[in-house]
Amino acid sequence: MNTLPPKYDPSQVENKWYDYWLEHNMFSSKPDAREPYTIVIPPPNVTGVLHMGHVLNNTIQDILIRRARMDGKNALWVPGTDHAAIATETKVIAKLAAEGIKKTDLTREQFLEHAWDWTKTHGGMILQQLRRLGASCDWERTAFTLDENRSKAVVKVFNDLYEKGLIYRGLRMVNWDPVNRTAISDDEVIFHQEQSHLYYLRYYLADSCQGEVAEAEGQVVHRDAKGRLYALVATTRPETIMGDTAMCINPKDPKNTWLKGKKVIVPLVGREIPVIEDRYVDIEFGTGCLKVTPAHDKNDYMLGRTHNLETIDIFNEDATVSPAAGMYVGMDRFDVRKQIAKDLADAGLLERTEDYTNNVGFSERTHTPIEPRLSLQWFVRMKHFADISMAPVMDDIIHFIPEKYKNTYRVWLENIQDWCISRQLWWGHRIPAWFYGNPADDNTDKAHFVVANDEHEALEKARIASGDESLTAADLRRDEGALDTWFSSWLWPIVLFDGINNPGNEEINYYYPTATLVTGPDIIFFWVARMIMAGYEYVGNYPFKNVYFTGIVRDSLGR
C-alpha cells in the first residue's frame, strides 16, 4: 500500500522560522568590514493594504537581499511607509463623510488627529503584511516619511533650495483637483479619451465693426438672416465663455483675415473683446477662431501673457461657478455646460454641435477631471536637476534594467517642467514659510514672507526683512499648504541614514549608495529620477547602482 507524504502546511512552518529569525536578529545590520549590500524599500502608502504589485516587488527584493547574505555581504533591507498626502487625506475625508463629518467642520489639529489614527491603523497593517510575506527587513530601522527625523530633513532641504534660488513662489497655471481642492503635478494627471462635443458659437461683431466687409477669395464671412456679421468659434468648453477676454486668429489664415482688428461680443455674456492674432492658433481646427480664456486653459494663459489680456477666474475651488462669472453662480461646471448649451441655442447663438473625441485629464487620486487654474504655488526650478541627473543614467553609471527605460528617462528630462511642490492639504509636511505684514496680501504676489526652519528663526528673519523689531510670533501667519508627498520621498535613500541632518555620518558613508532599487516604471518620473537628482545634490553620488523595473500587474483588460 502506497502512503502519501503529509500535506505541507505553511502555517506550521513559516511563523516558527520567521519568529526564530527575528529572535536571533538575523536581518539586523551594522556597519563593519564586510562589503555592504543595501536595498531601501519603495515605501508603500499607509492608505490601505498590500496588493499583488507589492507582492511581486517585495519578493524580488527579498531574493536579492537573501542572496547577498549568502554571498557573505553585509546585507541590509530598510523598511518603511509613505504618508501619501493626497491619497491619505482623500481616505480620511471619505471616512469622516461616512460618519457625517465634513473636513470644513474641523480645525487643522482635529483633522490631523483623525489622519494619525488612520495611519496607525493602516500603516501597522501594511508592515505586518510584509512580515507575513517573510520579508527579511531590518525592522528596527522602520521609517516613516512623516516621522520626526524625516520631517526635519524635508524642512532643511526646502530652506536650502530656497536659499539657492531653486525654490520660488509664483502665480502659475496648475492642474487643480476640485474634489480635494488642491494643485497636483503634471505627472499626477491621467488622460482618458472621452466622447464629447464641439459647440459652434456665434461671436457677433461689435456694433462699431458691423457694416460692409471687403470679401476676398478664400475668406469665410458669416452673416445671419438679418445680415449681421459674426465669427464662428468651435469649443469643447462653452461653460467657460464667461471668462473669455479675447478671440484669436492665425495671421496666416486666409479665411479669417476679415476679422483682423475687429472686436466681437461674447455670446450671452455681452462683453466686447478684441480679436488678436497669434501663430499658435491651429488653422485646421474648427473654424480657425479660438476663444481665449486665460484663467482656465494653459495655452490661453500663455496667450494672455503675450498679448496682455485681462484674466477672469470664473470658478471656485470646487469647480462651481464664482460670482466673477456674473451668471450661473454656484452651479457645477458640468451642469453649466448642459444649461449654457440650451441657453445659447435658445438665443440663436449656438449654430451647431458635432461629436468629438478628445483627451481629458483626470486626477490620479480622485478620478475627477482636473481644472486648469491660475494659482499662487511653490515650485522647484528643475533645469539644474535635469542637468546633473542625465549623464549618470545615459552613461550607465546607474544601470536601468530593462535598458529601454533609459530613453523614457531621457525624453522626460529633456522636456522637464518646473515642479509644483505645494498642495492645499493639511496632511503632510507643512510648508515652512511664514507671512507678515498685511494679511490681505498673503494670497497675492505682493505678499511678504520668510522661509525658515522653525517659527523662532522665522520671527528673527521677519524682523530683519521688515525692519520692525517689535514684531512678535502673533504677527506671523504660517503657509496653510503642505508639500507634495514626493518632496519627502525623493530624499528616501539619504534620510534613511540621516544623511541630511547629519551629513557624512558613519552609516551614510557605509550604506550609501545603495545596491539596487526595485520598482515599477510607472513612477520613474515621480520618484526614481528625483531620487537621482537629490542624491547628486546632497551626497554628490548616485543613490543606487541598479534600478530593476518590474512589470505592472494587470487584469485581463490590461488595467
Foldseek 3Di string as FASTA:
>chain_A
DDDDDDDDDVVVPQVVVLVVCVVVLVLDFDDDDFAEFEEEALAAELLAADDPQSLVLLVVVQVVQVVCVVVVGRGAYEYEHFPQFVQLLVSLQVVCVVVVDHPVVDDLVVSVVSSVVSSVVRVVNHVVVCVVSVRSHSVVLYYYCPDDLLLLLLLLVLQVLVVVVQKDKDWAWFWADLVQLKGDHPLQWDKDKDKAKKWKFWWFFDPVLWDDFPDDPQADWDADPVRTTTDIEIDRQLLQLLQFAEKEAACPRNRCVSQPATWTARPPNRDIHHYYHDNVFDCPPDNRIGGQALFWDNVSVVVCVVVVTDHQDQADSNQQGDCSSVPNHRHHSVVSRVVVSVVCVVVVGTPDMDIDMDMFIARNNPRHTITTGTFTFMWGNCLVLLVQQLCCDVVLQAAEVVNVCNVVSNVCSVVDDIGGWKILGSPANFQQKKWADDPVCCRDPVTHIDGDSDLVVRQVVVCVVVVPPPDDSVRIDGDNIHTHSLSSQLCVLCSSQSCSVDNPDPRCVNCPQHEEYEEAPSCCPSHVSSVQSCCCVRVVDGNYRYYYHDYDDADPVRD
